[in-house]
Every structure is written in C-alpha cells, then in structure tokens.
Amino acid sequence: LSADYEIQALSSEITEEEIFISNGRSALITTTSELKTNVKQFRLGGSWNLHERFTLRGGYNLPDLTDSDSWGASSGFSLYLPFDKFSPSVGYAFVLEPNRISNMHVFSISLKL
C-alpha cells in the first residue's frame, strides 16, 4: 500500500502588447503580469502478489482536493514470464481519467537489460 500528497506550484508570465495612437503618433504599450497558483492532489494505491508470477494493482487519485467529484481510478496486473534471461513481464492497466472524461487501456512489455 502506498500513498502520496503532492503540491505543485505553477507560475506563468503573460505579456500583452498594444499599439496606442494619439494625435497621429503611435506608441507601443507593453504590459507584463505574473500568474501564480498551486495544485494539490492525493494518490493512494496498492498491489497484491497473487502468485509469484502474477500481481494485481489498484489506485485512486484525487487531483483537485477542492472538488471531490474530480477523482480518477486505475486497476491492472502484471504477468511475469518464466524466463531467466531479461526477466520479461507483460502488464495491463485500465485508467479512468480525472472527472471521468475518458479512459485508457495501457499495455506494456518489460525487459530487464
């Protein structure tokens, strides 16, 4: 079982330029502003070794702590193949995106080189 709490500090700089015309003369006006914000999220996950060659996994993600409806979930498994060379494994995960906008099926093949 594992859990983590993450705070991301985000900063953006916005520059706007306008041409101002007065009495037939033009002037370039430049305005720069900085936007700062932070994002807090909570993740919880776990895995269970059902067999020496098979592991089940599951997880929960709350990417916006101020919106309890923004959660996402994932589940998956790994199958460790019976070969000593490269220790190959095949993995699958189903990931439900935050706010349940869409979902993903993720397949992987891992080799230890």
PDB file of N, CA and C in Angstrom:
ATOM      1  N   LEU A   1       0.856  -1.175   0.000  1.00  0.00           N
ATOM      2  CA  LEU A   1       0.000   0.000   0.000  1.00  0.00           C
ATOM      3  C   LEU A   1       0.899   1.234   0.000  1.00  0.00           C
ATOM      4  N   SER A   2       0.576   2.195  -0.823  1.00  0.00           N
ATOM      5  CA  SER A   2       1.347   3.435  -0.847  1.00  0.00           C
ATOM      6  C   SER A   2       0.400   4.616  -1.028  1.00  0.00           C
ATOM      7  N   ALA A   3       0.835   5.766  -0.550  1.00  0.00           N
ATOM      8  CA  ALA A   3       0.040   6.987  -0.683  1.00  0.00           C
ATOM      9  C   ALA A   3       0.989   8.160  -0.816  1.00  0.00           C
ATOM     10  N   ASP A   4       0.559   9.186  -1.522  1.00  0.00           N
ATOM     11  CA  ASP A   4       1.345  10.415  -1.554  1.00  0.00           C
ATOM     12  C   ASP A   4       0.437  11.621  -1.708  1.00  0.00           C
ATOM     13  N   TYR A   5       0.942  12.728  -1.231  1.00  0.00           N
ATOM     14  CA  TYR A   5       0.257  14.015  -1.290  1.00  0.00           C
ATOM     15  C   TYR A   5       1.205  14.952  -2.018  1.00  0.00           C
ATOM     16  N   GLU A   6       0.738  15.608  -3.049  1.00  0.00           N
ATOM     17  CA  GLU A   6       1.613  16.426  -3.891  1.00  0.00           C
ATOM     18  C   GLU A   6       1.071  17.843  -3.998  1.00  0.00           C
ATOM     19  N   ILE A   7       1.974  18.800  -3.893  1.00  0.00           N
ATOM     20  CA  ILE A   7       1.632  20.207  -4.120  1.00  0.00           C
ATOM     21  C   ILE A   7       2.509  20.700  -5.263  1.00  0.00           C
ATOM     22  N   GLN A   8       1.885  21.151  -6.342  1.00  0.00           N
ATOM     23  CA  GLN A   8       2.609  21.700  -7.483  1.00  0.00           C
ATOM     24  C   GLN A   8       2.439  23.212  -7.472  1.00  0.00           C
ATOM     25  N   ALA A   9       3.541  23.933  -7.523  1.00  0.00           N
ATOM     26  CA  ALA A   9       3.498  25.390  -7.626  1.00  0.00           C
ATOM     27  C   ALA A   9       3.677  25.751  -9.098  1.00  0.00           C
ATOM     28  N   LEU A  10       2.714  26.472  -9.648  1.00  0.00           N
ATOM     29  CA  LEU A  10       2.730  26.831 -11.061  1.00  0.00           C
ATOM     30  C   LEU A  10       2.845  28.341 -11.202  1.00  0.00           C
ATOM     31  N   SER A  11       3.643  28.772 -12.173  1.00  0.00           N
ATOM     32  CA  SER A  11       3.837  30.196 -12.404  1.00  0.00           C
ATOM     33  C   SER A  11       3.860  30.452 -13.907  1.00  0.00           C
ATOM     34  N   SER A  12       3.143  31.480 -14.341  1.00  0.00           N
ATOM     35  CA  SER A  12       3.107  31.862 -15.756  1.00  0.00           C
ATOM     36  C   SER A  12       3.309  33.361 -15.872  1.00  0.00           C
ATOM     37  N   GLU A  13       3.948  33.757 -16.949  1.00  0.00           N
ATOM     38  CA  GLU A  13       4.128  35.176 -17.222  1.00  0.00           C
ATOM     39  C   GLU A  13       3.367  35.516 -18.495  1.00  0.00           C
ATOM     40  N   ILE A  14       2.538  36.546 -18.435  1.00  0.00           N
ATOM     41  CA  ILE A  14       1.716  36.962 -19.569  1.00  0.00           C
ATOM     42  C   ILE A  14       2.187  38.345 -20.012  1.00  0.00           C
ATOM     43  N   THR A  15       2.532  38.459 -21.293  1.00  0.00           N
ATOM     44  CA  THR A  15       2.960  39.738 -21.853  1.00  0.00           C
ATOM     45  C   THR A  15       1.974  40.152 -22.936  1.00  0.00           C
ATOM     46  N   GLU A  16       1.428  41.354 -22.805  1.00  0.00           N
ATOM     47  CA  GLU A  16       0.495  41.896 -23.792  1.00  0.00           C
ATOM     48  C   GLU A  16       1.102  43.159 -24.389  1.00  0.00           C
ATOM     49  N   GLU A  17       0.954  43.294 -25.701  1.00  0.00           N
ATOM     50  CA  GLU A  17       1.441  44.493 -26.381  1.00  0.00           C
ATOM     51  C   GLU A  17       0.288  45.144 -27.135  1.00  0.00           C
ATOM     52  N   GLU A  18       0.160  46.470 -26.987  1.00  0.00           N
ATOM     53  CA  GLU A  18      -0.881  47.231 -27.670  1.00  0.00           C
ATOM     54  C   GLU A  18      -0.238  48.424 -28.367  1.00  0.00           C
ATOM     55  N   ILE A  19      -0.787  48.768 -29.496  1.00  0.00           N
ATOM     56  CA  ILE A  19      -0.344  49.990 -30.180  1.00  0.00           C
ATOM     57  C   ILE A  19      -1.395  51.057 -29.905  1.00  0.00           C
ATOM     58  N   PHE A  20      -0.950  52.161 -29.303  1.00  0.00           N
ATOM     59  CA  PHE A  20      -1.828  53.270 -28.956  1.00  0.00           C
ATOM     60  C   PHE A  20      -1.513  54.429 -29.899  1.00  0.00           C
ATOM     61  N   ILE A  21      -2.539  54.959 -30.550  1.00  0.00           N
ATOM     62  CA  ILE A  21      -2.350  56.067 -31.488  1.00  0.00           C
ATOM     63  C   ILE A  21      -3.058  57.299 -30.936  1.00  0.00           C
ATOM     64  N   SER A  22      -2.286  58.386 -30.790  1.00  0.00           N
ATOM     65  CA  SER A  22      -2.831  59.645 -30.295  1.00  0.00           C
ATOM     66  C   SER A  22      -2.216  60.783 -31.103  1.00  0.00           C
ATOM     67  N   ASN A  23      -3.066  61.625 -31.667  1.00  0.00           N
ATOM     68  CA  ASN A  23      -2.625  62.764 -32.487  1.00  0.00           C
ATOM     69  C   ASN A  23      -1.688  62.320 -33.613  1.00  0.00           C
ATOM     70  N   GLY A  24      -1.988  61.183 -34.224  1.00  0.00           N
ATOM     71  CA  GLY A  24      -1.194  60.709 -35.350  1.00  0.00           C
ATOM     72  C   GLY A  24       0.114  60.042 -34.968  1.00  0.00           C
ATOM     73  N   ARG A  25       0.414  59.966 -33.696  1.00  0.00           N
ATOM     74  CA  ARG A  25       1.650  59.316 -33.247  1.00  0.00           C
ATOM     75  C   ARG A  25       1.302  57.982 -32.603  1.00  0.00           C
ATOM     76  N   SER A  26       2.104  56.969 -32.898  1.00  0.00           N
ATOM     77  CA  SER A  26       1.850  55.646 -32.315  1.00  0.00           C
ATOM     78  C   SER A  26       2.840  55.368 -31.190  1.00  0.00           C
ATOM     79  N   ALA A  27       2.365  54.638 -30.226  1.00  0.00           N
ATOM     80  CA  ALA A  27       3.209  54.233 -29.100  1.00  0.00           C
ATOM     81  C   ALA A  27       2.894  52.770 -28.779  1.00  0.00           C
ATOM     82  N   LEU A  28       3.935  52.001 -28.528  1.00  0.00           N
ATOM     83  CA  LEU A  28       3.774  50.597 -28.161  1.00  0.00           C
ATOM     84  C   LEU A  28       3.719  50.503 -26.640  1.00  0.00           C
ATOM     85  N   ILE A  29       2.632  49.948 -26.135  1.00  0.00           N
ATOM     86  CA  ILE A  29       2.464  49.787 -24.687  1.00  0.00           C
ATOM     87  C   ILE A  29       2.576  48.298 -24.374  1.00  0.00           C
ATOM     88  N   THR A  30       3.534  47.954 -23.528  1.00  0.00           N
ATOM     89  CA  THR A  30       3.758  46.562 -23.137  1.00  0.00           C
ATOM     90  C   THR A  30       3.392  46.388 -21.671  1.00  0.00           C
ATOM     91  N   THR A  31       2.560  45.385 -21.402  1.00  0.00           N
ATOM     92  CA  THR A  31       2.143  45.079 -20.038  1.00  0.00           C
ATOM     93  C   THR A  31       2.514  43.631 -19.734  1.00  0.00           C
ATOM     94  N   THR A  32       3.202  43.418 -18.628  1.00  0.00           N
ATOM     95  CA  THR A  32       3.586  42.068 -18.213  1.00  0.00           C
ATOM     96  C   THR A  32       2.987  41.789 -16.846  1.00  0.00           C
ATOM     97  N   SER A  33       2.352  40.630 -16.722  1.00  0.00           N
ATOM     98  CA  SER A  33       1.796  40.226 -15.428  1.00  0.00           C
ATOM     99  C   SER A  33       2.181  38.779 -15.155  1.00  0.00           C
ATOM    100  N   GLU A  34       2.234  38.436 -13.883  1.00  0.00           N
ATOM    101  CA  GLU A  34       2.612  37.086 -13.491  1.00  0.00           C
ATOM    102  C   GLU A  34       1.435  36.430 -12.782  1.00  0.00           C
ATOM    103  N   LEU A  35       1.152  35.189 -13.156  1.00  0.00           N
ATOM    104  CA  LEU A  35       0.063  34.427 -12.564  1.00  0.00           C
ATOM    105  C   LEU A  35       0.668  33.256 -11.803  1.00  0.00           C
ATOM    106  N   LYS A  36       0.378  33.169 -10.502  1.00  0.00           N
ATOM    107  CA  LYS A  36       0.893  32.081  -9.673  1.00  0.00           C
ATOM    108  C   LYS A  36      -0.279  31.327  -9.065  1.00  0.00           C
ATOM    109  N   THR A  37      -0.168  30.010  -9.054  1.00  0.00           N
ATOM    110  CA  THR A  37      -1.196  29.174  -8.443  1.00  0.00           C
ATOM    111  C   THR A  37      -0.545  27.882  -7.964  1.00  0.00           C
ATOM    112  N   ASN A  38      -1.286  27.077  -7.228  1.00  0.00           N
ATOM    113  CA  ASN A  38      -0.779  25.765  -6.850  1.00  0.00           C
ATOM    114  C   ASN A  38      -1.897  24.737  -6.956  1.00  0.00           C
ATOM    115  N   VAL A  39      -1.493  23.509  -7.156  1.00  0.00           N
ATOM    116  CA  VAL A  39      -2.418  22.390  -7.310  1.00  0.00           C
ATOM    117  C   VAL A  39      -2.055  21.357  -6.250  1.00  0.00           C
ATOM    118  N   LYS A  40      -3.052  20.877  -5.529  1.00  0.00           N
ATOM    119  CA  LYS A  40      -2.830  19.853  -4.507  1.00  0.00           C
ATOM    120  C   LYS A  40      -3.569  18.594  -4.937  1.00  0.00           C
ATOM    121  N   GLN A  41      -2.893  17.448  -4.837  1.00  0.00           N
ATOM    122  CA  GLN A  41      -3.567  16.202  -5.167  1.00  0.00           C
ATOM    123  C   GLN A  41      -3.138  15.082  -4.230  1.00  0.00           C
ATOM    124  N   PHE A  42      -4.000  14.082  -4.128  1.00  0.00           N
ATOM    125  CA  PHE A  42      -3.781  12.942  -3.245  1.00  0.00           C
ATOM    126  C   PHE A  42      -3.901  11.667  -4.071  1.00  0.00           C
ATOM    127  N   ARG A  43      -2.950  10.747  -3.899  1.00  0.00           N
ATOM    128  CA  ARG A  43      -2.979   9.462  -4.596  1.00  0.00           C
ATOM    129  C   ARG A  43      -2.816   8.327  -3.590  1.00  0.00           C
ATOM    130  N   LEU A  44      -3.531   7.237  -3.835  1.00  0.00           N
ATOM    131  CA  LEU A  44      -3.475   6.060  -2.985  1.00  0.00           C
ATOM    132  C   LEU A  44      -3.469   4.838  -3.892  1.00  0.00           C
ATOM    133  N   GLY A  45      -2.597   3.876  -3.614  1.00  0.00           N
ATOM    134  CA  GLY A  45      -2.536   2.691  -4.458  1.00  0.00           C
ATOM    135  C   GLY A  45      -2.019   1.491  -3.700  1.00  0.00           C
ATOM    136  N   GLY A  46      -2.248   0.341  -4.275  1.00  0.00           N
ATOM    137  CA  GLY A  46      -1.778  -0.882  -3.641  1.00  0.00           C
ATOM    138  C   GLY A  46      -1.595  -1.986  -4.660  1.00  0.00           C
ATOM    139  N   SER A  47      -0.847  -3.003  -4.269  1.00  0.00           N
ATOM    140  CA  SER A  47      -0.656  -4.166  -5.133  1.00  0.00           C
ATOM    141  C   SER A  47      -0.701  -5.424  -4.279  1.00  0.00           C
ATOM    142  N   TRP A  48      -1.069  -6.525  -4.913  1.00  0.00           N
ATOM    143  CA  TRP A  48      -1.185  -7.802  -4.226  1.00  0.00           C
ATOM    144  C   TRP A  48      -0.540  -8.862  -5.097  1.00  0.00           C
ATOM    145  N   ASN A  49       0.487  -9.533  -4.562  1.00  0.00           N
ATOM    146  CA  ASN A  49       1.150 -10.620  -5.273  1.00  0.00           C
ATOM    147  C   ASN A  49       0.309 -11.884  -5.106  1.00  0.00           C
ATOM    148  N   LEU A  50      -0.567 -12.102  -6.054  1.00  0.00           N
ATOM    149  CA  LEU A  50      -1.484 -13.231  -6.012  1.00  0.00           C
ATOM    150  C   LEU A  50      -0.736 -14.548  -6.184  1.00  0.00           C
ATOM    151  N   HIS A  51       0.346 -14.512  -6.956  1.00  0.00           N
ATOM    152  CA  HIS A  51       1.186 -15.672  -7.250  1.00  0.00           C
ATOM    153  C   HIS A  51       2.574 -15.120  -7.537  1.00  0.00           C
ATOM    154  N   GLU A  52       3.606 -15.944  -7.512  1.00  0.00           N
ATOM    155  CA  GLU A  52       4.955 -15.429  -7.774  1.00  0.00           C
ATOM    156  C   GLU A  52       5.086 -14.856  -9.186  1.00  0.00           C
ATOM    157  N   ARG A  53       4.172 -15.197 -10.070  1.00  0.00           N
ATOM    158  CA  ARG A  53       4.222 -14.707 -11.446  1.00  0.00           C
ATOM    159  C   ARG A  53       3.062 -13.770 -11.803  1.00  0.00           C
ATOM    160  N   PHE A  54       2.247 -13.392 -10.821  1.00  0.00           N
ATOM    161  CA  PHE A  54       1.067 -12.571 -11.124  1.00  0.00           C
ATOM    162  C   PHE A  54       0.817 -11.564 -10.002  1.00  0.00           C
ATOM    163  N   THR A  55       0.713 -10.284 -10.356  1.00  0.00           N
ATOM    164  CA  THR A  55       0.460  -9.214  -9.392  1.00  0.00           C
ATOM    165  C   THR A  55      -0.749  -8.399  -9.836  1.00  0.00           C
ATOM    166  N   LEU A  56      -1.665  -8.128  -8.909  1.00  0.00           N
ATOM    167  CA  LEU A  56      -2.813  -7.248  -9.155  1.00  0.00           C
ATOM    168  C   LEU A  56      -2.527  -5.881  -8.541  1.00  0.00           C
ATOM    169  N   ARG A  57      -2.994  -4.809  -9.211  1.00  0.00           N
ATOM    170  CA  ARG A  57      -2.781  -3.447  -8.719  1.00  0.00           C
ATOM    171  C   ARG A  57      -4.076  -2.643  -8.804  1.00  0.00           C
ATOM    172  N   GLY A  58      -4.174  -1.636  -7.948  1.00  0.00           N
ATOM    173  CA  GLY A  58      -5.307  -0.715  -7.996  1.00  0.00           C
ATOM    174  C   GLY A  58      -4.900   0.622  -7.416  1.00  0.00           C
ATOM    175  N   GLY A  59      -5.574   1.681  -7.855  1.00  0.00           N
ATOM    176  CA  GLY A  59      -5.224   3.001  -7.351  1.00  0.00           C
ATOM    177  C   GLY A  59      -6.379   3.974  -7.423  1.00  0.00           C
ATOM    178  N   TYR A  60      -6.236   5.052  -6.677  1.00  0.00           N
ATOM    179  CA  TYR A  60      -7.241   6.109  -6.589  1.00  0.00           C
ATOM    180  C   TYR A  60      -6.498   7.437  -6.615  1.00  0.00           C
ATOM    181  N   ASN A  61      -7.015   8.397  -7.361  1.00  0.00           N
ATOM    182  CA  ASN A  61      -6.371   9.697  -7.494  1.00  0.00           C
ATOM    183  C   ASN A  61      -7.420  10.785  -7.303  1.00  0.00           C
ATOM    184  N   LEU A  62      -7.127  11.746  -6.440  1.00  0.00           N
ATOM    185  CA  LEU A  62      -7.987  12.916  -6.251  1.00  0.00           C
ATOM    186  C   LEU A  62      -7.151  14.133  -6.639  1.00  0.00           C
ATOM    187  N   PRO A  63      -7.203  14.548  -7.940  1.00  0.00           N
ATOM    188  CA  PRO A  63      -6.304  15.596  -8.416  1.00  0.00           C
ATOM    189  C   PRO A  63      -6.656  17.005  -7.960  1.00  0.00           C
ATOM    190  N   ASP A  64      -7.866  17.232  -7.515  1.00  0.00           N
ATOM    191  CA  ASP A  64      -8.260  18.562  -7.051  1.00  0.00           C
ATOM    192  C   ASP A  64      -8.943  18.392  -5.700  1.00  0.00           C
ATOM    193  N   LEU A  65      -8.225  18.698  -4.628  1.00  0.00           N
ATOM    194  CA  LEU A  65      -8.763  18.471  -3.287  1.00  0.00           C
ATOM    195  C   LEU A  65      -9.969  19.349  -2.975  1.00  0.00           C
ATOM    196  N   THR A  66     -10.170  20.414  -3.740  1.00  0.00           N
ATOM    197  CA  THR A  66     -11.333  21.270  -3.510  1.00  0.00           C
ATOM    198  C   THR A  66     -12.568  20.756  -4.236  1.00  0.00           C
ATOM    199  N   ASP A  67     -12.413  19.748  -5.116  1.00  0.00           N
ATOM    200  CA  ASP A  67     -13.530  19.193  -5.883  1.00  0.00           C
ATOM    201  C   ASP A  67     -13.546  17.682  -5.700  1.00  0.00           C
ATOM    202  N   SER A  68     -14.383  17.185  -4.796  1.00  0.00           N
ATOM    203  CA  SER A  68     -14.400  15.750  -4.504  1.00  0.00           C
ATOM    204  C   SER A  68     -14.939  14.924  -5.672  1.00  0.00           C
ATOM    205  N   ASP A  69     -15.502  15.563  -6.692  1.00  0.00           N
ATOM    206  CA  ASP A  69     -16.001  14.844  -7.863  1.00  0.00           C
ATOM    207  C   ASP A  69     -14.925  14.675  -8.936  1.00  0.00           C
ATOM    208  N   SER A  70     -13.692  15.115  -8.672  1.00  0.00           N
ATOM    209  CA  SER A  70     -12.632  15.062  -9.684  1.00  0.00           C
ATOM    210  C   SER A  70     -11.817  13.772  -9.634  1.00  0.00           C
ATOM    211  N   TRP A  71     -12.248  12.779  -8.891  1.00  0.00           N
ATOM    212  CA  TRP A  71     -11.455  11.568  -8.682  1.00  0.00           C
ATOM    213  C   TRP A  71     -11.246  10.771  -9.966  1.00  0.00           C
ATOM    214  N   GLY A  72     -10.198   9.971  -9.958  1.00  0.00           N
ATOM    215  CA  GLY A  72      -9.903   9.029 -11.030  1.00  0.00           C
ATOM    216  C   GLY A  72      -9.446   7.727 -10.398  1.00  0.00           C
ATOM    217  N   ALA A  73      -9.552   6.631 -11.124  1.00  0.00           N
ATOM    218  CA  ALA A  73      -9.176   5.327 -10.579  1.00  0.00           C
ATOM    219  C   ALA A  73      -8.390   4.545 -11.619  1.00  0.00           C
ATOM    220  N   SER A  74      -7.669   3.539 -11.150  1.00  0.00           N
ATOM    221  CA  SER A  74      -6.936   2.670 -12.063  1.00  0.00           C
ATOM    222  C   SER A  74      -6.862   1.270 -11.470  1.00  0.00           C
ATOM    223  N   SER A  75      -6.712   0.297 -12.342  1.00  0.00           N
ATOM    224  CA  SER A  75      -6.503  -1.083 -11.914  1.00  0.00           C
ATOM    225  C   SER A  75      -5.680  -1.772 -12.987  1.00  0.00           C
ATOM    226  N   GLY A  76      -5.008  -2.839 -12.613  1.00  0.00           N
ATOM    227  CA  GLY A  76      -4.192  -3.526 -13.598  1.00  0.00           C
ATOM    228  C   GLY A  76      -3.544  -4.764 -13.030  1.00  0.00           C
ATOM    229  N   PHE A  77      -2.703  -5.375 -13.856  1.00  0.00           N
ATOM    230  CA  PHE A  77      -1.987  -6.572 -13.435  1.00  0.00           C
ATOM    231  C   PHE A  77      -0.668  -6.667 -14.181  1.00  0.00           C
ATOM    232  N   SER A  78       0.236  -7.471 -13.642  1.00  0.00           N
ATOM    233  CA  SER A  78       1.491  -7.822 -14.306  1.00  0.00           C
ATOM    234  C   SER A  78       1.622  -9.330 -14.303  1.00  0.00           C
ATOM    235  N   LEU A  79       2.048  -9.871 -15.420  1.00  0.00           N
ATOM    236  CA  LEU A  79       2.297 -11.297 -15.568  1.00  0.00           C
ATOM    237  C   LEU A  79       3.787 -11.465 -15.837  1.00  0.00           C
ATOM    238  N   TYR A  80       4.496 -12.111 -14.909  1.00  0.00           N
ATOM    239  CA  TYR A  80       5.940 -12.310 -15.024  1.00  0.00           C
ATOM    240  C   TYR A  80       6.181 -13.648 -15.708  1.00  0.00           C
ATOM    241  N   LEU A  81       6.824 -13.604 -16.878  1.00  0.00           N
ATOM    242  CA  LEU A  81       7.015 -14.806 -17.689  1.00  0.00           C
ATOM    243  C   LEU A  81       8.169 -15.652 -17.151  1.00  0.00           C
ATOM    244  N   PRO A  82       8.090 -16.984 -17.325  1.00  0.00           N
ATOM    245  CA  PRO A  82       9.075 -17.894 -16.707  1.00  0.00           C
ATOM    246  C   PRO A  82      10.378 -18.024 -17.499  1.00  0.00           C
ATOM    247  N   PHE A  83      11.041 -16.917 -17.770  1.00  0.00           N
ATOM    248  CA  PHE A  83      12.331 -16.931 -18.456  1.00  0.00           C
ATOM    249  C   PHE A  83      13.322 -16.174 -17.593  1.00  0.00           C
ATOM    250  N   ASP A  84      14.521 -16.733 -17.413  1.00  0.00           N
ATOM    251  CA  ASP A  84      15.525 -16.073 -16.580  1.00  0.00           C
ATOM    252  C   ASP A  84      16.188 -14.910 -17.303  1.00  0.00           C
ATOM    253  N   LYS A  85      16.453 -15.079 -18.592  1.00  0.00           N
ATOM    254  CA  LYS A  85      17.127 -14.028 -19.336  1.00  0.00           C
ATOM    255  C   LYS A  85      16.150 -12.885 -19.604  1.00  0.00           C
ATOM    256  N   PHE A  86      16.519 -11.694 -19.239  1.00  0.00           N
ATOM    257  CA  PHE A  86      15.765 -10.450 -19.401  1.00  0.00           C
ATOM    258  C   PHE A  86      14.544 -10.338 -18.482  1.00  0.00           C
ATOM    259  N   SER A  87      14.177 -11.361 -17.739  1.00  0.00           N
ATOM    260  CA  SER A  87      13.026 -11.339 -16.813  1.00  0.00           C
ATOM    261  C   SER A  87      11.813 -10.633 -17.421  1.00  0.00           C
ATOM    262  N   PRO A  88      11.281 -11.112 -18.541  1.00  0.00           N
ATOM    263  CA  PRO A  88      10.183 -10.399 -19.205  1.00  0.00           C
ATOM    264  C   PRO A  88       8.887 -10.430 -18.398  1.00  0.00           C
ATOM    265  N   SER A  89       8.116  -9.352 -18.541  1.00  0.00           N
ATOM    266  CA  SER A  89       6.787  -9.299 -17.934  1.00  0.00           C
ATOM    267  C   SER A  89       5.853  -8.543 -18.872  1.00  0.00           C
ATOM    268  N   VAL A  90       4.582  -8.893 -18.788  1.00  0.00           N
ATOM    269  CA  VAL A  90       3.539  -8.244 -19.573  1.00  0.00           C
ATOM    270  C   VAL A  90       2.615  -7.554 -18.581  1.00  0.00           C
ATOM    271  N   GLY A  91       2.287  -6.298 -18.860  1.00  0.00           N
ATOM    272  CA  GLY A  91       1.432  -5.547 -17.953  1.00  0.00           C
ATOM    273  C   GLY A  91       0.220  -4.976 -18.659  1.00  0.00           C
ATOM    274  N   TYR A  92      -0.821  -4.764 -17.886  1.00  0.00           N
ATOM    275  CA  TYR A  92      -2.042  -4.128 -18.382  1.00  0.00           C
ATOM    276  C   TYR A  92      -2.563  -3.207 -17.287  1.00  0.00           C
ATOM    277  N   ALA A  93      -3.086  -2.055 -17.684  1.00  0.00           N
ATOM    278  CA  ALA A  93      -3.725  -1.146 -16.727  1.00  0.00           C
ATOM    279  C   ALA A  93      -4.931  -0.488 -17.391  1.00  0.00           C
ATOM    280  N   PHE A  94      -5.976  -0.337 -16.622  1.00  0.00           N
ATOM    281  CA  PHE A  94      -7.148   0.431 -17.032  1.00  0.00           C
ATOM    282  C   PHE A  94      -7.151   1.687 -16.178  1.00  0.00           C
ATOM    283  N   VAL A  95      -7.142   2.846 -16.820  1.00  0.00           N
ATOM    284  CA  VAL A  95      -7.055   4.117 -16.101  1.00  0.00           C
ATOM    285  C   VAL A  95      -8.281   4.956 -16.430  1.00  0.00           C
ATOM    286  N   LEU A  96      -9.023   5.328 -15.406  1.00  0.00           N
ATOM    287  CA  LEU A  96     -10.165   6.225 -15.545  1.00  0.00           C
ATOM    288  C   LEU A  96      -9.653   7.629 -15.268  1.00  0.00           C
ATOM    289  N   GLU A  97      -9.712   8.491 -16.266  1.00  0.00           N
ATOM    290  CA  GLU A  97      -9.189   9.848 -16.150  1.00  0.00           C
ATOM    291  C   GLU A  97      -9.946  10.644 -15.084  1.00  0.00           C
ATOM    292  N   PRO A  98      -9.278  11.646 -14.474  1.00  0.00           N
ATOM    293  CA  PRO A  98      -9.980  12.505 -13.518  1.00  0.00           C
ATOM    294  C   PRO A  98     -11.219  13.132 -14.157  1.00  0.00           C
ATOM    295  N   ASN A  99     -12.253  13.307 -13.377  1.00  0.00           N
ATOM    296  CA  ASN A  99     -13.562  13.811 -13.810  1.00  0.00           C
ATOM    297  C   ASN A  99     -14.238  12.868 -14.795  1.00  0.00           C
ATOM    298  N   ARG A 100     -13.698  11.667 -14.947  1.00  0.00           N
ATOM    299  CA  ARG A 100     -14.264  10.624 -15.806  1.00  0.00           C
ATOM    300  C   ARG A 100     -14.541  11.115 -17.222  1.00  0.00           C
ATOM    301  N   ILE A 101     -13.625  11.932 -17.761  1.00  0.00           N
ATOM    302  CA  ILE A 101     -13.762  12.443 -19.122  1.00  0.00           C
ATOM    303  C   ILE A 101     -13.550  11.321 -20.129  1.00  0.00           C
ATOM    304  N   SER A 102     -12.563  10.483 -19.889  1.00  0.00           N
ATOM    305  CA  SER A 102     -12.279   9.366 -20.785  1.00  0.00           C
ATOM    306  C   SER A 102     -11.549   8.287 -19.995  1.00  0.00           C
ATOM    307  N   ASN A 103     -11.200   7.203 -20.665  1.00  0.00           N
ATOM    308  CA  ASN A 103     -10.420   6.157 -20.015  1.00  0.00           C
ATOM    309  C   ASN A 103      -9.350   5.662 -20.975  1.00  0.00           C
ATOM    310  N   MET A 104      -8.361   4.965 -20.425  1.00  0.00           N
ATOM    311  CA  MET A 104      -7.256   4.451 -21.229  1.00  0.00           C
ATOM    312  C   MET A 104      -7.011   2.991 -20.879  1.00  0.00           C
ATOM    313  N   HIS A 105      -6.610   2.233 -21.877  1.00  0.00           N
ATOM    314  CA  HIS A 105      -6.119   0.878 -21.689  1.00  0.00           C
ATOM    315  C   HIS A 105      -4.631   0.931 -22.012  1.00  0.00           C
ATOM    316  N   VAL A 106      -3.787   0.552 -21.065  1.00  0.00           N
ATOM    317  CA  VAL A 106      -2.339   0.644 -21.237  1.00  0.00           C
ATOM    318  C   VAL A 106      -1.751  -0.761 -21.184  1.00  0.00           C
ATOM    319  N   PHE A 107      -1.028  -1.133 -22.235  1.00  0.00           N
ATOM    320  CA  PHE A 107      -0.353  -2.426 -22.303  1.00  0.00           C
ATOM    321  C   PHE A 107       1.148  -2.179 -22.300  1.00  0.00           C
ATOM    322  N   SER A 108       1.904  -3.063 -21.644  1.00  0.00           N
ATOM    323  CA  SER A 108       3.356  -2.886 -21.623  1.00  0.00           C
ATOM    324  C   SER A 108       4.062  -4.238 -21.640  1.00  0.00           C
ATOM    325  N   ILE A 109       5.266  -4.215 -22.168  1.00  0.00           N
ATOM    326  CA  ILE A 109       6.175  -5.362 -22.113  1.00  0.00           C
ATOM    327  C   ILE A 109       7.464  -4.832 -21.503  1.00  0.00           C
ATOM    328  N   SER A 110       7.923  -5.460 -20.429  1.00  0.00           N
ATOM    329  CA  SER A 110       9.132  -5.007 -19.741  1.00  0.00           C
ATOM    330  C   SER A 110      10.219  -6.062 -19.839  1.00  0.00           C
ATOM    331  N   LEU A 111      11.437  -5.588 -20.067  1.00  0.00           N
ATOM    332  CA  LEU A 111      12.615  -6.453 -20.112  1.00  0.00           C
ATOM    333  C   LEU A 111      13.683  -5.837 -19.225  1.00  0.00           C
ATOM    334  N   LYS A 112      14.361  -6.651 -18.430  1.00  0.00           N
ATOM    335  CA  LYS A 112      15.480  -6.160 -17.622  1.00  0.00           C
ATOM    336  C   LYS A 112      16.756  -6.426 -18.398  1.00  0.00           C
ATOM    337  N   LEU A 113      17.403  -5.350 -18.829  1.00  0.00           N
ATOM    338  CA  LEU A 113      18.617  -5.492 -19.646  1.00  0.00           C
ATOM    339  C   LEU A 113      19.866  -5.509 -18.809  1.00  0.00           C
TER     340      LEU A 113
END
